[in-house]
Amino acid sequence: MSIPLHLGVRAHDFTQVPLHELIEKIKSYHFAHIQFALKKSFPDSAPSLTAISPGTASYYGNAFRQAGIQIAVLGCYVNIVDTDPQKRAQALAAFSTHLRLARDFGANLVGTETGTVGVGFTTDNFTEEAFQEVITSVKAMVAEAEHFGVTVGIEAGHHHPLYTASLTRRLLDEFSSNNLQIILDCANLMSPTNYLHQEAIITEALKLLGDRIAIIHLKDFIVQDGAIKIVPVGQGWLEFEPILRYMKYERPHIQGILESTPESHLGESIAFLQGIYEEV
């Protein structure tokens, strides 16, 4: 019996629509799981990321649960390496709030990228000092996750202090706790200078991070005017074969989440991924 491909979607890629409409849209594409960032989908329910109440979490968690939709990733994308101590403290407090309420949402994993030590692109992100700041914040986040029995999901990003698979492996090696897992987005590892070697980069990431990968993000890219540009899945240059092979044979039933694919392109993107999955 062949293992099915488990696809989900970021809820806010459907834009801000009423909850009942969002649920119907998710179900219409037969998605059984989502990545849910409350502030992005329903900003009125989250005046601030630390103001989310257990009642708010239960309200949305119960609605998705009753519809047969799992929150695979509770999104809390904050800047955990902000150089402003007050802003960094606020970011970690927001993440802590999501860890505390994860079970009320019906989620086991709270996800974020690392953020940036500056505004916009800065080479300061590519220093050992910046990486050490990541470790400092993640240490606090993992301790909190262990307390609540949930998981921190960290995602590498090309312009962030965590920008390669080898650095991500270094981060994992700093923590023996399995409450730290990886959200792998292979498009985030691509740059205008390395994308021609992407098969080797993807293969290395899958090997180095292995069974510490909790979720796979699926998005696509091209290079335009010397910069990475995100495009709907199937319309870019990302080589999905090794990713889908890993999902099918090495981590059966692992959840994949379509990202940055507008609703108008979802049908063809799903068919594109399904076609490759069946062939690998």
C-alpha atoms as a PDB file:
ATOM      1  CA  MET A   1       0.000   0.000   0.000  1.00  0.00           C
ATOM      2  CA  SER A   2       1.463   3.346  -1.011  1.00  0.00           C
ATOM      3  CA  ILE A   3       1.902   6.087   1.605  1.00  0.00           C
ATOM      4  CA  PRO A   4      -0.253   9.155   0.812  1.00  0.00           C
ATOM      5  CA  LEU A   5       1.228  12.622   0.508  1.00  0.00           C
ATOM      6  CA  HIS A   6       0.000  14.724   3.430  1.00  0.00           C
ATOM      7  CA  LEU A   7      -0.366  18.313   2.283  1.00  0.00           C
ATOM      8  CA  GLY A   8      -1.507  21.329   4.264  1.00  0.00           C
ATOM      9  CA  VAL A   9      -1.439  25.083   3.815  1.00  0.00           C
ATOM     10  CA  ARG A  10      -0.748  28.294   5.696  1.00  0.00           C
ATOM     11  CA  ALA A  11      -4.159  29.595   6.724  1.00  0.00           C
ATOM     12  CA  HIS A  12      -3.241  33.214   5.978  1.00  0.00           C
ATOM     13  CA  ASP A  13      -2.432  32.353   2.367  1.00  0.00           C
ATOM     14  CA  PHE A  14      -6.237  32.427   1.968  1.00  0.00           C
ATOM     15  CA  THR A  15      -6.010  36.072   3.150  1.00  0.00           C
ATOM     16  CA  GLN A  16      -8.214  37.414   5.954  1.00  0.00           C
ATOM     17  CA  VAL A  17     -11.661  35.866   5.619  1.00  0.00           C
ATOM     18  CA  PRO A  18     -14.321  34.913   8.205  1.00  0.00           C
ATOM     19  CA  LEU A  19     -13.578  31.722  10.150  1.00  0.00           C
ATOM     20  CA  HIS A  20     -16.400  29.673   8.617  1.00  0.00           C
ATOM     21  CA  GLU A  21     -15.275  30.701   5.134  1.00  0.00           C
ATOM     22  CA  LEU A  22     -11.647  29.862   5.903  1.00  0.00           C
ATOM     23  CA  ILE A  23     -12.635  26.409   7.119  1.00  0.00           C
ATOM     24  CA  GLU A  24     -14.694  25.753   3.983  1.00  0.00           C
ATOM     25  CA  LYS A  25     -11.799  26.840   1.781  1.00  0.00           C
ATOM     26  CA  ILE A  26      -9.356  24.561   3.621  1.00  0.00           C
ATOM     27  CA  LYS A  27     -11.749  21.613   3.371  1.00  0.00           C
ATOM     28  CA  SER A  28     -12.437  22.249  -0.326  1.00  0.00           C
ATOM     29  CA  TYR A  29      -8.798  21.446  -1.076  1.00  0.00           C
ATOM     30  CA  HIS A  30      -8.899  18.384   1.217  1.00  0.00           C
ATOM     31  CA  PHE A  31      -6.245  19.794   3.527  1.00  0.00           C
ATOM     32  CA  ALA A  32      -6.270  17.979   6.881  1.00  0.00           C
ATOM     33  CA  HIS A  33      -3.702  20.263   8.544  1.00  0.00           C
ATOM     34  CA  ILE A  34      -2.645  23.901   8.499  1.00  0.00           C
ATOM     35  CA  GLN A  35      -0.091  26.353   9.755  1.00  0.00           C
ATOM     36  CA  PHE A  36      -2.037  28.901  11.776  1.00  0.00           C
ATOM     37  CA  ALA A  37      -0.781  32.355  12.777  1.00  0.00           C
ATOM     38  CA  LEU A  38      -3.682  33.988  14.617  1.00  0.00           C
ATOM     39  CA  LYS A  39      -2.393  37.546  14.206  1.00  0.00           C
ATOM     40  CA  LYS A  40      -2.106  37.133  10.426  1.00  0.00           C
ATOM     41  CA  SER A  41      -5.515  35.515   9.860  1.00  0.00           C
ATOM     42  CA  PHE A  42      -7.614  37.178  12.560  1.00  0.00           C
ATOM     43  CA  PRO A  43      -5.790  40.298  13.796  1.00  0.00           C
ATOM     44  CA  ASP A  44      -8.823  41.527  15.761  1.00  0.00           C
ATOM     45  CA  SER A  45      -8.548  38.445  17.981  1.00  0.00           C
ATOM     46  CA  ALA A  46      -4.925  39.236  18.819  1.00  0.00           C
ATOM     47  CA  PRO A  47      -4.469  42.928  19.713  1.00  0.00           C
ATOM     48  CA  SER A  48      -0.962  41.835  20.682  1.00  0.00           C
ATOM     49  CA  LEU A  49       0.753  38.449  20.581  1.00  0.00           C
ATOM     50  CA  THR A  50       0.866  38.336  24.378  1.00  0.00           C
ATOM     51  CA  ALA A  51      -2.820  39.284  24.750  1.00  0.00           C
ATOM     52  CA  ILE A  52      -4.101  35.982  23.348  1.00  0.00           C
ATOM     53  CA  SER A  53      -6.255  34.297  25.971  1.00  0.00           C
ATOM     54  CA  PRO A  54      -6.953  30.596  26.618  1.00  0.00           C
ATOM     55  CA  GLY A  55     -10.507  31.326  25.482  1.00  0.00           C
ATOM     56  CA  THR A  56      -9.269  32.683  22.149  1.00  0.00           C
ATOM     57  CA  ALA A  57      -7.058  29.638  21.654  1.00  0.00           C
ATOM     58  CA  SER A  58      -9.893  27.245  22.495  1.00  0.00           C
ATOM     59  CA  TYR A  59     -12.340  29.092  20.230  1.00  0.00           C
ATOM     60  CA  TYR A  60     -10.173  28.646  17.154  1.00  0.00           C
ATOM     61  CA  GLY A  61      -8.758  25.286  18.187  1.00  0.00           C
ATOM     62  CA  ASN A  62     -12.231  23.801  18.677  1.00  0.00           C
ATOM     63  CA  ALA A  63     -13.500  25.214  15.371  1.00  0.00           C
ATOM     64  CA  PHE A  64     -10.673  23.613  13.398  1.00  0.00           C
ATOM     65  CA  ARG A  65     -10.843  20.385  15.384  1.00  0.00           C
ATOM     66  CA  GLN A  66     -14.577  19.991  14.762  1.00  0.00           C
ATOM     67  CA  ALA A  67     -13.910  20.496  11.048  1.00  0.00           C
ATOM     68  CA  GLY A  68     -11.277  17.738  11.075  1.00  0.00           C
ATOM     69  CA  ILE A  69      -8.402  20.187  10.577  1.00  0.00           C
ATOM     70  CA  GLN A  70      -5.245  19.929  12.692  1.00  0.00           C
ATOM     71  CA  ILE A  71      -3.016  22.896  13.494  1.00  0.00           C
ATOM     72  CA  ALA A  72       0.319  21.271  12.629  1.00  0.00           C
ATOM     73  CA  VAL A  73       2.250  24.499  13.207  1.00  0.00           C
ATOM     74  CA  LEU A  74       1.133  27.319  15.459  1.00  0.00           C
ATOM     75  CA  GLY A  75       2.917  30.233  13.826  1.00  0.00           C
ATOM     76  CA  CYS A  76       4.550  32.858  16.016  1.00  0.00           C
ATOM     77  CA  TYR A  77       7.045  34.576  13.763  1.00  0.00           C
ATOM     78  CA  VAL A  78       9.005  36.957  15.954  1.00  0.00           C
ATOM     79  CA  ASN A  79      12.520  38.381  15.948  1.00  0.00           C
ATOM     80  CA  ILE A  80      14.348  36.366  18.605  1.00  0.00           C
ATOM     81  CA  VAL A  81      17.685  38.128  17.964  1.00  0.00           C
ATOM     82  CA  ASP A  82      16.499  41.733  18.023  1.00  0.00           C
ATOM     83  CA  THR A  83      19.328  43.970  19.221  1.00  0.00           C
ATOM     84  CA  ASP A  84      16.844  46.093  21.206  1.00  0.00           C
ATOM     85  CA  PRO A  85      16.591  44.274  24.565  1.00  0.00           C
ATOM     86  CA  GLN A  86      13.005  45.396  25.142  1.00  0.00           C
ATOM     87  CA  LYS A  87      11.812  44.291  21.700  1.00  0.00           C
ATOM     88  CA  ARG A  88      13.631  40.981  22.084  1.00  0.00           C
ATOM     89  CA  ALA A  89      12.007  40.418  25.474  1.00  0.00           C
ATOM     90  CA  GLN A  90       8.613  41.132  23.897  1.00  0.00           C
ATOM     91  CA  ALA A  91       9.325  38.645  21.119  1.00  0.00           C
ATOM     92  CA  LEU A  92      10.269  35.904  23.572  1.00  0.00           C
ATOM     93  CA  ALA A  93       7.206  36.705  25.697  1.00  0.00           C
ATOM     94  CA  ALA A  94       4.999  36.360  22.614  1.00  0.00           C
ATOM     95  CA  PHE A  95       6.558  33.014  21.800  1.00  0.00           C
ATOM     96  CA  SER A  96       6.136  31.892  25.394  1.00  0.00           C
ATOM     97  CA  THR A  97       2.444  32.796  25.214  1.00  0.00           C
ATOM     98  CA  HIS A  98       2.035  30.592  22.161  1.00  0.00           C
ATOM     99  CA  LEU A  99       3.854  27.711  23.872  1.00  0.00           C
ATOM    100  CA  ARG A 100       1.572  28.038  26.899  1.00  0.00           C
ATOM    101  CA  LEU A 101      -1.577  28.078  24.754  1.00  0.00           C
ATOM    102  CA  ALA A 102      -0.492  25.546  22.120  1.00  0.00           C
ATOM    103  CA  ARG A 103      -2.569  22.731  23.611  1.00  0.00           C
ATOM    104  CA  ASP A 104      -5.642  24.991  23.763  1.00  0.00           C
ATOM    105  CA  PHE A 105      -5.177  25.572  20.041  1.00  0.00           C
ATOM    106  CA  GLY A 106      -4.794  21.821  19.535  1.00  0.00           C
ATOM    107  CA  ALA A 107      -1.189  22.238  18.382  1.00  0.00           C
ATOM    108  CA  ASN A 108       1.986  20.533  19.530  1.00  0.00           C
ATOM    109  CA  LEU A 109       4.548  22.681  17.706  1.00  0.00           C
ATOM    110  CA  VAL A 110       5.103  26.453  17.747  1.00  0.00           C
ATOM    111  CA  GLY A 111       7.191  27.729  14.855  1.00  0.00           C
ATOM    112  CA  THR A 112       9.347  30.753  14.094  1.00  0.00           C
ATOM    113  CA  GLU A 113      12.319  31.873  12.055  1.00  0.00           C
ATOM    114  CA  THR A 114      15.211  33.483  13.926  1.00  0.00           C
ATOM    115  CA  GLY A 115      14.682  37.016  12.655  1.00  0.00           C
ATOM    116  CA  THR A 116      17.527  39.437  12.068  1.00  0.00           C
ATOM    117  CA  VAL A 117      19.984  41.507  14.079  1.00  0.00           C
ATOM    118  CA  GLY A 118      19.383  44.500  11.809  1.00  0.00           C
ATOM    119  CA  VAL A 119      16.747  46.023   9.562  1.00  0.00           C
ATOM    120  CA  GLY A 120      16.573  44.502   6.107  1.00  0.00           C
ATOM    121  CA  PHE A 121      19.616  42.748   4.662  1.00  0.00           C
ATOM    122  CA  THR A 122      22.746  42.946   6.804  1.00  0.00           C
ATOM    123  CA  THR A 123      25.917  40.861   6.796  1.00  0.00           C
ATOM    124  CA  ASP A 124      25.862  41.170  10.593  1.00  0.00           C
ATOM    125  CA  ASN A 125      23.546  38.163  10.496  1.00  0.00           C
ATOM    126  CA  PHE A 126      26.361  36.010   9.150  1.00  0.00           C
ATOM    127  CA  THR A 127      28.602  36.320  12.217  1.00  0.00           C
ATOM    128  CA  GLU A 128      29.349  33.933  15.041  1.00  0.00           C
ATOM    129  CA  GLU A 129      28.025  36.549  17.448  1.00  0.00           C
ATOM    130  CA  ALA A 130      24.632  36.499  15.745  1.00  0.00           C
ATOM    131  CA  PHE A 131      24.536  32.702  15.875  1.00  0.00           C
ATOM    132  CA  GLN A 132      25.316  32.783  19.590  1.00  0.00           C
ATOM    133  CA  GLU A 133      22.378  35.148  20.085  1.00  0.00           C
ATOM    134  CA  VAL A 134      20.169  32.529  18.420  1.00  0.00           C
ATOM    135  CA  ILE A 135      21.421  29.925  20.895  1.00  0.00           C
ATOM    136  CA  THR A 136      20.719  32.216  23.847  1.00  0.00           C
ATOM    137  CA  SER A 137      17.108  32.808  22.828  1.00  0.00           C
ATOM    138  CA  VAL A 138      16.426  29.235  21.771  1.00  0.00           C
ATOM    139  CA  LYS A 139      17.711  28.012  25.131  1.00  0.00           C
ATOM    140  CA  ALA A 140      14.983  29.999  26.892  1.00  0.00           C
ATOM    141  CA  MET A 141      12.359  28.915  24.361  1.00  0.00           C
ATOM    142  CA  VAL A 142      13.185  25.219  24.680  1.00  0.00           C
ATOM    143  CA  ALA A 143      13.125  25.381  28.487  1.00  0.00           C
ATOM    144  CA  GLU A 144       9.637  26.874  28.281  1.00  0.00           C
ATOM    145  CA  ALA A 145       8.548  24.268  25.727  1.00  0.00           C
ATOM    146  CA  GLU A 146       9.723  21.461  27.994  1.00  0.00           C
ATOM    147  CA  HIS A 147       7.703  22.967  30.840  1.00  0.00           C
ATOM    148  CA  PHE A 148       4.487  22.863  28.789  1.00  0.00           C
ATOM    149  CA  GLY A 149       5.230  19.592  26.996  1.00  0.00           C
ATOM    150  CA  VAL A 150       5.212  21.101  23.513  1.00  0.00           C
ATOM    151  CA  THR A 151       7.800  21.636  20.775  1.00  0.00           C
ATOM    152  CA  VAL A 152       9.743  24.584  19.357  1.00  0.00           C
ATOM    153  CA  GLY A 153      10.043  24.522  15.575  1.00  0.00           C
ATOM    154  CA  ILE A 154      12.910  26.625  14.174  1.00  0.00           C
ATOM    155  CA  GLU A 155      13.123  27.528  10.493  1.00  0.00           C
ATOM    156  CA  ALA A 156      16.299  28.619   8.741  1.00  0.00           C
ATOM    157  CA  GLY A 157      16.172  31.632   6.425  1.00  0.00           C
ATOM    158  CA  HIS A 158      18.648  32.800   3.798  1.00  0.00           C
ATOM    159  CA  HIS A 159      19.336  36.269   5.255  1.00  0.00           C
ATOM    160  CA  HIS A 160      19.045  35.222   8.907  1.00  0.00           C
ATOM    161  CA  PRO A 161      21.692  34.153  11.451  1.00  0.00           C
ATOM    162  CA  LEU A 162      20.486  30.591  10.823  1.00  0.00           C
ATOM    163  CA  TYR A 163      20.943  30.405   7.052  1.00  0.00           C
ATOM    164  CA  THR A 164      22.456  27.001   6.200  1.00  0.00           C
ATOM    165  CA  ALA A 165      21.757  23.370   7.024  1.00  0.00           C
ATOM    166  CA  SER A 166      25.142  23.016   8.730  1.00  0.00           C
ATOM    167  CA  LEU A 167      24.413  25.943  11.065  1.00  0.00           C
ATOM    168  CA  THR A 168      21.000  24.453  11.794  1.00  0.00           C
ATOM    169  CA  ARG A 169      22.715  21.175  12.679  1.00  0.00           C
ATOM    170  CA  ARG A 170      25.039  23.101  14.997  1.00  0.00           C
ATOM    171  CA  LEU A 171      22.013  24.562  16.727  1.00  0.00           C
ATOM    172  CA  LEU A 172      20.499  21.108  17.218  1.00  0.00           C
ATOM    173  CA  ASP A 173      23.775  19.813  18.601  1.00  0.00           C
ATOM    174  CA  GLU A 174      23.640  22.496  21.295  1.00  0.00           C
ATOM    175  CA  PHE A 175      20.446  20.936  22.675  1.00  0.00           C
ATOM    176  CA  SER A 176      19.877  17.326  23.616  1.00  0.00           C
ATOM    177  CA  SER A 177      16.175  18.100  24.042  1.00  0.00           C
ATOM    178  CA  ASN A 178      13.779  16.705  21.466  1.00  0.00           C
ATOM    179  CA  ASN A 179      11.526  19.651  22.284  1.00  0.00           C
ATOM    180  CA  LEU A 180      13.561  21.462  19.631  1.00  0.00           C
ATOM    181  CA  GLN A 181      12.713  20.427  16.072  1.00  0.00           C
ATOM    182  CA  ILE A 182      13.213  21.875  12.589  1.00  0.00           C
ATOM    183  CA  ILE A 183      10.769  23.282  10.075  1.00  0.00           C
ATOM    184  CA  LEU A 184      12.618  22.703   6.811  1.00  0.00           C
ATOM    185  CA  ASP A 185      12.001  25.082   3.931  1.00  0.00           C
ATOM    186  CA  CYS A 186      14.503  24.234   1.202  1.00  0.00           C
ATOM    187  CA  ALA A 187      13.656  27.383  -0.758  1.00  0.00           C
ATOM    188  CA  ASN A 188      14.926  29.348   2.248  1.00  0.00           C
ATOM    189  CA  LEU A 189      18.364  27.797   1.752  1.00  0.00           C
ATOM    190  CA  MET A 190      18.648  29.101  -1.802  1.00  0.00           C
ATOM    191  CA  SER A 191      20.495  32.237  -2.888  1.00  0.00           C
ATOM    192  CA  PRO A 192      21.236  33.844  -6.246  1.00  0.00           C
ATOM    193  CA  THR A 193      24.746  32.373  -6.026  1.00  0.00           C
ATOM    194  CA  ASN A 194      24.045  28.802  -4.855  1.00  0.00           C
ATOM    195  CA  TYR A 195      20.775  27.730  -6.473  1.00  0.00           C
ATOM    196  CA  LEU A 196      22.537  25.970  -9.354  1.00  0.00           C
ATOM    197  CA  HIS A 197      23.836  23.507  -6.743  1.00  0.00           C
ATOM    198  CA  GLN A 198      20.489  23.065  -5.065  1.00  0.00           C
ATOM    199  CA  GLU A 199      20.292  19.280  -5.359  1.00  0.00           C
ATOM    200  CA  ALA A 200      23.450  18.965  -3.248  1.00  0.00           C
ATOM    201  CA  ILE A 201      22.170  21.597  -0.796  1.00  0.00           C
ATOM    202  CA  ILE A 202      18.800  19.862  -0.378  1.00  0.00           C
ATOM    203  CA  THR A 203      20.393  16.425  -0.045  1.00  0.00           C
ATOM    204  CA  GLU A 204      22.797  17.738   2.609  1.00  0.00           C
ATOM    205  CA  ALA A 205      19.956  19.383   4.554  1.00  0.00           C
ATOM    206  CA  LEU A 206      17.880  16.208   4.603  1.00  0.00           C
ATOM    207  CA  LYS A 207      20.892  14.164   5.697  1.00  0.00           C
ATOM    208  CA  LEU A 208      22.158  16.571   8.370  1.00  0.00           C
ATOM    209  CA  LEU A 209      18.776  17.332   9.909  1.00  0.00           C
ATOM    210  CA  GLY A 210      17.275  13.887   9.423  1.00  0.00           C
ATOM    211  CA  ASP A 211      14.634  12.872  11.913  1.00  0.00           C
ATOM    212  CA  ARG A 212      14.767  16.229  13.711  1.00  0.00           C
ATOM    213  CA  ILE A 213      12.717  17.654  10.828  1.00  0.00           C
ATOM    214  CA  ALA A 214       9.159  17.942  12.125  1.00  0.00           C
ATOM    215  CA  ILE A 215       7.479  19.731   9.215  1.00  0.00           C
ATOM    216  CA  ILE A 216       8.331  20.410   5.571  1.00  0.00           C
ATOM    217  CA  HIS A 217       7.493  23.785   4.042  1.00  0.00           C
ATOM    218  CA  LEU A 218       6.876  23.606   0.309  1.00  0.00           C
ATOM    219  CA  LYS A 219       7.435  26.788  -1.652  1.00  0.00           C
ATOM    220  CA  ASP A 220       9.088  27.720  -4.939  1.00  0.00           C
ATOM    221  CA  PHE A 221      11.377  30.424  -6.281  1.00  0.00           C
ATOM    222  CA  ILE A 222      13.085  31.975  -9.261  1.00  0.00           C
ATOM    223  CA  VAL A 223      16.008  34.400  -9.457  1.00  0.00           C
ATOM    224  CA  GLN A 224      15.001  37.774 -10.829  1.00  0.00           C
ATOM    225  CA  ASP A 225      17.222  40.845 -11.064  1.00  0.00           C
ATOM    226  CA  GLY A 226      19.856  39.095  -8.980  1.00  0.00           C
ATOM    227  CA  ALA A 227      17.495  38.286  -6.102  1.00  0.00           C
ATOM    228  CA  ILE A 228      15.363  35.365  -4.970  1.00  0.00           C
ATOM    229  CA  LYS A 229      11.687  35.822  -5.854  1.00  0.00           C
ATOM    230  CA  ILE A 230       9.045  33.502  -4.390  1.00  0.00           C
ATOM    231  CA  VAL A 231       6.518  32.130  -6.903  1.00  0.00           C
ATOM    232  CA  PRO A 232       3.628  29.614  -6.702  1.00  0.00           C
ATOM    233  CA  VAL A 233       4.736  26.008  -6.237  1.00  0.00           C
ATOM    234  CA  GLY A 234       5.438  24.415  -9.606  1.00  0.00           C
ATOM    235  CA  GLN A 235       6.172  27.688 -11.397  1.00  0.00           C
ATOM    236  CA  GLY A 236       9.761  28.055 -10.210  1.00  0.00           C
ATOM    237  CA  TRP A 237      13.087  26.307 -10.138  1.00  0.00           C
ATOM    238  CA  LEU A 238      13.108  24.371  -6.851  1.00  0.00           C
ATOM    239  CA  GLU A 239      13.913  20.696  -7.319  1.00  0.00           C
ATOM    240  CA  PHE A 240      11.153  18.981  -5.347  1.00  0.00           C
ATOM    241  CA  GLU A 241      12.125  15.385  -6.201  1.00  0.00           C
ATOM    242  CA  PRO A 242      14.578  14.785  -3.310  1.00  0.00           C
ATOM    243  CA  ILE A 243      12.199  16.476  -0.859  1.00  0.00           C
ATOM    244  CA  LEU A 244       9.213  14.385  -1.872  1.00  0.00           C
ATOM    245  CA  ARG A 245      11.350  11.232  -1.961  1.00  0.00           C
ATOM    246  CA  TYR A 246      12.394  11.931   1.634  1.00  0.00           C
ATOM    247  CA  MET A 247       8.756  12.493   2.603  1.00  0.00           C
ATOM    248  CA  LYS A 248       7.645   9.278   0.931  1.00  0.00           C
ATOM    249  CA  TYR A 249      10.336   6.810   1.960  1.00  0.00           C
ATOM    250  CA  GLU A 250      12.370   8.184   4.879  1.00  0.00           C
ATOM    251  CA  ARG A 251       9.634   9.967   6.864  1.00  0.00           C
ATOM    252  CA  PRO A 252       6.323   8.414   5.792  1.00  0.00           C
ATOM    253  CA  HIS A 253       3.285  10.570   6.674  1.00  0.00           C
ATOM    254  CA  ILE A 254       5.388  13.642   7.531  1.00  0.00           C
ATOM    255  CA  GLN A 255       3.288  16.750   6.997  1.00  0.00           C
ATOM    256  CA  GLY A 256       4.072  19.200   4.202  1.00  0.00           C
ATOM    257  CA  ILE A 257       2.726  22.745   4.195  1.00  0.00           C
ATOM    258  CA  LEU A 258       2.300  24.757   1.008  1.00  0.00           C
ATOM    259  CA  GLU A 259       3.580  28.276   1.497  1.00  0.00           C
ATOM    260  CA  SER A 260       3.275  31.514  -0.488  1.00  0.00           C
ATOM    261  CA  THR A 261       1.022  29.918  -3.095  1.00  0.00           C
ATOM    262  CA  PRO A 262      -2.091  32.065  -3.672  1.00  0.00           C
ATOM    263  CA  GLU A 263      -5.456  30.328  -3.709  1.00  0.00           C
ATOM    264  CA  SER A 264      -5.763  30.917  -7.448  1.00  0.00           C
ATOM    265  CA  HIS A 265      -2.782  28.610  -7.989  1.00  0.00           C
ATOM    266  CA  LEU A 266      -3.428  26.005  -5.262  1.00  0.00           C
ATOM    267  CA  GLY A 267      -5.135  23.413  -7.454  1.00  0.00           C
ATOM    268  CA  GLU A 268      -2.338  23.239  -9.998  1.00  0.00           C
ATOM    269  CA  SER A 269       0.347  23.351  -7.275  1.00  0.00           C
ATOM    270  CA  ILE A 270      -1.232  20.406  -5.457  1.00  0.00           C
ATOM    271  CA  ALA A 271      -1.436  18.444  -8.707  1.00  0.00           C
ATOM    272  CA  PHE A 272       2.200  19.299  -9.472  1.00  0.00           C
ATOM    273  CA  LEU A 273       3.437  17.982  -6.110  1.00  0.00           C
ATOM    274  CA  GLN A 274       1.195  14.939  -6.229  1.00  0.00           C
ATOM    275  CA  GLY A 275       2.516  14.050  -9.668  1.00  0.00           C
ATOM    276  CA  ILE A 276       6.143  14.151  -8.541  1.00  0.00           C
ATOM    277  CA  TYR A 277       5.311  12.258  -5.340  1.00  0.00           C
ATOM    278  CA  GLU A 278       3.757   9.427  -7.298  1.00  0.00           C
ATOM    279  CA  GLU A 279       6.759   9.180  -9.620  1.00  0.00           C
ATOM    280  CA  VAL A 280       9.624   9.248  -7.101  1.00  0.00           C
END
